[in-house]
Protein backbone atom coordinates (compact mmCIF):
# COMPACT_ATOMS: atom_id res chain seq x y z
CA VAL A 1 -42.39 -49.08 -33.92
CA ALA A 2 -41.90 -46.45 -31.20
CA ALA A 3 -45.35 -44.94 -31.84
CA ALA A 4 -47.01 -48.31 -31.26
CA LEU A 5 -45.41 -48.54 -27.85
CA GLN A 6 -47.13 -46.00 -25.61
CA LEU A 7 -46.55 -46.40 -21.90
CA ASP A 8 -49.17 -45.57 -19.29
CA LEU A 9 -47.16 -43.39 -16.91
CA ARG A 10 -49.91 -42.86 -14.35
CA PRO A 11 -48.82 -43.92 -10.85
CA VAL A 12 -49.95 -47.29 -9.55
CA ARG A 13 -51.13 -47.45 -5.93
CA VAL A 14 -48.54 -49.52 -4.13
CA HIS A 15 -49.33 -51.58 -1.06
CA SER A 16 -46.52 -52.88 1.09
CA PRO A 17 -46.67 -56.56 1.96
CA PRO A 18 -47.22 -57.34 5.66
CA ALA A 19 -44.20 -56.60 7.84
CA PRO A 20 -42.24 -59.64 8.92
CA PRO A 21 -41.83 -59.85 12.71
CA VAL A 22 -38.48 -58.84 14.16
CA ALA A 23 -36.69 -62.01 15.22
CA PRO A 24 -34.87 -62.23 18.58
CA THR A 25 -31.66 -62.99 16.65
CA ASP A 26 -31.91 -59.87 14.45
CA VAL A 27 -29.16 -57.31 15.04
CA GLU A 28 -30.27 -53.69 14.70
CA MET A 29 -28.57 -50.34 15.01
CA TRP A 30 -30.12 -48.02 17.61
CA GLU A 31 -29.09 -44.41 18.02
CA ASN A 32 -30.62 -41.87 20.40
CA GLY A 33 -33.54 -44.19 21.17
CA ARG A 34 -34.39 -44.88 17.51
CA VAL A 35 -33.96 -47.90 15.28
CA VAL A 36 -31.88 -46.83 12.25
CA VAL A 37 -32.90 -48.09 8.79
CA TYR A 38 -31.07 -47.33 5.53
CA THR A 39 -33.09 -47.05 2.30
CA ASP A 40 -32.09 -46.80 -1.34
CA GLY A 41 -33.45 -46.93 -4.86
CA SER A 42 -31.75 -48.09 -8.02
CA GLY A 43 -32.50 -47.74 -11.71
CA GLU A 44 -31.22 -49.63 -14.74
CA ASN A 45 -31.53 -48.87 -18.47
CA ASN A 46 -32.56 -45.28 -17.75
CA GLN A 47 -31.73 -44.16 -21.30
CA ASP A 48 -35.03 -45.51 -22.64
CA ALA A 49 -38.25 -45.42 -20.57
CA ARG A 50 -39.41 -48.60 -22.30
CA PHE A 51 -36.57 -50.57 -20.75
CA SER A 52 -36.02 -48.64 -17.54
CA ARG A 53 -36.30 -50.86 -14.48
CA ALA A 54 -36.00 -49.77 -10.87
CA GLY A 55 -35.73 -51.48 -7.52
CA MET A 56 -35.72 -50.58 -3.86
CA GLY A 57 -33.95 -51.77 -0.77
CA GLY A 58 -34.19 -51.36 2.97
CA TYR A 59 -31.50 -52.39 5.43
CA TRP A 60 -32.19 -52.82 9.15
CA GLY A 61 -29.11 -54.89 9.96
CA GLU A 62 -27.71 -58.37 10.26
CA GLY A 63 -29.44 -61.60 11.17
CA PRO A 64 -29.01 -65.36 11.08
CA THR A 65 -30.27 -65.81 7.51
CA GLN A 66 -28.55 -65.02 4.21
CA ARG A 67 -30.59 -61.84 3.75
CA GLY A 68 -29.75 -60.68 7.29
CA HIS A 69 -32.37 -58.96 9.45
CA SER A 70 -35.87 -60.36 8.90
CA ARG A 71 -37.14 -56.98 7.63
CA ASN A 72 -34.36 -56.29 5.11
CA PHE A 73 -35.93 -56.11 1.66
CA SER A 74 -34.93 -56.09 -1.98
CA ALA A 75 -37.88 -55.57 -4.32
CA PRO A 76 -38.62 -54.51 -7.89
CA LEU A 77 -40.55 -51.28 -8.32
CA THR A 78 -44.08 -51.90 -9.61
CA GLY A 79 -45.91 -49.82 -12.21
CA GLN A 80 -44.88 -48.15 -15.46
CA VAL A 81 -42.95 -45.26 -13.87
CA GLN A 82 -39.56 -46.87 -13.34
CA THR A 83 -37.29 -44.15 -11.97
CA ASN A 84 -34.66 -44.14 -9.29
CA GLN A 85 -36.48 -41.36 -7.40
CA ARG A 86 -39.77 -43.29 -7.33
CA ALA A 87 -37.88 -46.34 -6.04
CA GLU A 88 -36.22 -44.22 -3.31
CA LEU A 89 -39.63 -42.98 -2.14
CA ASN A 90 -41.19 -46.44 -2.29
CA ALA A 91 -38.41 -47.75 -0.04
CA VAL A 92 -39.15 -45.01 2.51
CA VAL A 93 -42.90 -45.74 2.36
CA ARG A 94 -42.31 -49.45 2.95
CA VAL A 95 -40.14 -48.71 5.98
CA LEU A 96 -42.80 -46.34 7.34
CA ASP A 97 -45.47 -49.01 6.70
CA TRP A 98 -43.45 -51.64 8.55
CA GLU A 99 -41.80 -49.77 11.40
CA ASN A 100 -43.84 -48.33 14.30
CA ARG A 101 -40.98 -47.88 16.75
CA PRO A 102 -39.13 -44.56 17.05
CA LEU A 103 -37.25 -44.43 13.76
CA GLU A 104 -34.41 -42.81 11.86
CA ILE A 105 -34.36 -43.33 8.10
CA ARG A 106 -31.01 -42.67 6.45
CA SER A 107 -30.92 -42.17 2.69
CA ASP A 108 -28.35 -40.98 0.16
CA SER A 109 -31.10 -39.17 -1.78
CA GLU A 110 -31.08 -35.47 -0.84
CA ASN A 111 -34.41 -35.01 -2.63
CA THR A 112 -36.03 -37.78 -0.58
CA VAL A 113 -34.65 -36.57 2.75
CA HIS A 114 -35.55 -32.94 2.05
CA GLY A 115 -39.05 -33.89 0.86
CA CYS A 116 -39.68 -36.11 3.87
CA ARG A 117 -38.75 -33.27 6.21
CA ARG A 118 -41.37 -30.93 4.61
CA PRO A 119 -44.36 -32.08 6.68
CA GLN A 120 -42.26 -31.88 9.84
CA ARG A 121 -41.68 -28.21 9.02
CA GLY A 122 -45.43 -27.68 8.54
CA ALA A 123 -45.37 -27.61 4.72
CA ALA A 124 -48.39 -29.05 2.92
CA ALA A 125 -48.10 -31.75 0.26
CA ASP A 126 -48.01 -30.41 -3.30
CA PRO A 127 -50.47 -32.39 -5.48
CA GLU A 128 -48.59 -31.30 -8.63
CA ARG A 129 -45.27 -32.64 -7.41
CA ALA A 130 -43.75 -35.66 -9.12
CA HIS A 131 -44.76 -38.85 -7.30
CA ALA A 132 -47.45 -36.97 -5.35
CA ASP A 133 -49.13 -40.28 -4.46
CA LEU A 134 -46.03 -41.39 -2.55
CA TRP A 135 -45.45 -38.00 -0.91
CA GLU A 136 -49.05 -38.14 0.33
CA ARG A 137 -48.35 -41.52 1.94
CA VAL A 138 -45.23 -40.16 3.64
CA ASP A 139 -47.23 -37.17 4.87
CA ALA A 140 -50.02 -39.42 6.17
CA HIS A 141 -47.53 -41.51 8.16
CA LEU A 142 -45.92 -38.45 9.68
CA ARG A 143 -49.28 -36.89 10.61
CA THR A 144 -50.31 -40.01 12.55
CA ARG A 145 -47.13 -40.30 14.62
CA TRP A 146 -46.15 -38.23 17.61
CA SER A 147 -43.94 -35.25 16.89
CA ASN A 148 -40.37 -36.16 15.99
CA ALA A 149 -41.08 -39.91 16.03
CA VAL A 150 -39.33 -40.19 12.67
CA LEU A 151 -36.02 -38.56 11.80
CA PHE A 152 -34.69 -38.36 8.23
CA THR A 153 -30.93 -38.11 7.72
CA TRP A 154 -28.94 -37.71 4.52
CA VAL A 155 -25.80 -39.84 4.15
CA LYS A 156 -23.25 -39.67 1.36
CA GLY A 157 -23.87 -42.36 -1.24
CA HIS A 158 -21.06 -44.40 -2.80
CA ALA A 159 -18.69 -42.86 -0.27
CA HIS A 160 -15.01 -43.70 -0.11
CA GLU A 161 -12.91 -44.11 3.00
CA GLY A 162 -12.79 -40.85 4.91
CA GLN A 163 -16.12 -39.64 3.50
CA GLY A 164 -18.57 -39.87 6.36
CA PRO A 165 -18.77 -42.32 9.25
CA PRO A 166 -17.70 -45.88 8.36
CA VAL A 167 -21.00 -47.31 9.71
CA ASP A 168 -22.98 -45.12 7.27
CA ARG A 169 -20.78 -46.16 4.32
CA GLU A 170 -21.13 -49.84 5.17
CA ARG A 171 -24.88 -49.83 5.82
CA ASN A 172 -25.73 -47.52 2.91
CA ASP A 173 -23.74 -49.80 0.59
CA LYS A 174 -25.83 -52.74 1.84
CA ALA A 175 -29.07 -50.84 1.15
CA ASP A 176 -27.70 -50.00 -2.32
CA LYS A 177 -26.98 -53.69 -3.04
CA LEU A 178 -30.52 -54.57 -1.99
CA ALA A 179 -31.94 -51.87 -4.31
CA VAL A 180 -29.79 -53.01 -7.24
CA GLY A 181 -30.96 -56.58 -6.58
CA GLY A 182 -34.55 -55.34 -6.66
CA ALA A 183 -34.04 -53.70 -10.07
CA GLN A 184 -32.49 -56.92 -11.38
CA GLN A 185 -35.61 -58.89 -10.41
CA HIS A 186 -37.51 -57.31 -13.32
CA ALA A 187 -38.07 -59.08 -16.57
CA VAL A 188 -38.55 -56.96 -19.69
CA PRO A 189 -42.09 -57.69 -20.96
CA THR A 190 -42.17 -59.76 -24.15
CA ALA A 191 -44.36 -57.20 -25.96
CA VAL A 192 -41.84 -54.45 -25.23
CA ARG A 193 -38.92 -56.54 -26.46
CA ARG A 194 -40.77 -57.52 -29.66
CA ALA A 195 -41.78 -53.94 -30.38
CA ALA A 196 -38.25 -52.69 -29.82
CA VAL A 197 -36.52 -55.18 -32.08
CA GLY A 198 -39.18 -55.01 -34.77
C-alpha cells in the first residue's frame, strides 16, 4: 500500500491573493516607524508525510470584525510539501507581498529570522537550500526595497509569563492560533485515506 502512494515533493509556486486594504478602523502596532506583523506556521500529523498538513498565519492587530485587522490571515499551506518550516516561510512571503510600508516581521522561528537576515548581510541565496523557491522570493522582496525597510525579529514562541515582553507573547500567540487554524482547513484527500486504510 505504501509503495502505491508516492508523493510529488517538488515545490509548488505559491501566489499570494491580493492584499485587502487597511481599514480606517484597523488597529496596528507601530514601533520605530514600522508596522509590526507577527507570522507563524503550524504543522499537524507530522509523523507521516502522507497525512502531514500545515498552515500559516499573519497577525497585524485588532479590528472591528471577528478576524480582527483586515489583513490578518489564516490559510492552509498549498502543495505536497507540508512542513512547519515551509508554512513559516510562506507566511513571511505573504506579508512581504502585502505590506509595502516600513515593516518589522516578528517570528518565533529562529531559522526563518536568521535566513531572512541573510540578504541584508549581503549573502546570496543558496539554490540547494530547502525551500529555495521561497527564499528566492524573500530575497527578491528585500532587493527591491530601500535598505533596512524590513526588519526581522525573533520572539520566543509559546512563552510563559516573564518570558519576553507581554505584547510579543500575546501577539505571537494570536499568529500561532491563525496558523493552527490554517492547518485545520485541510482535508485529507480521499485517495490518500483509501490507500492508507487499505
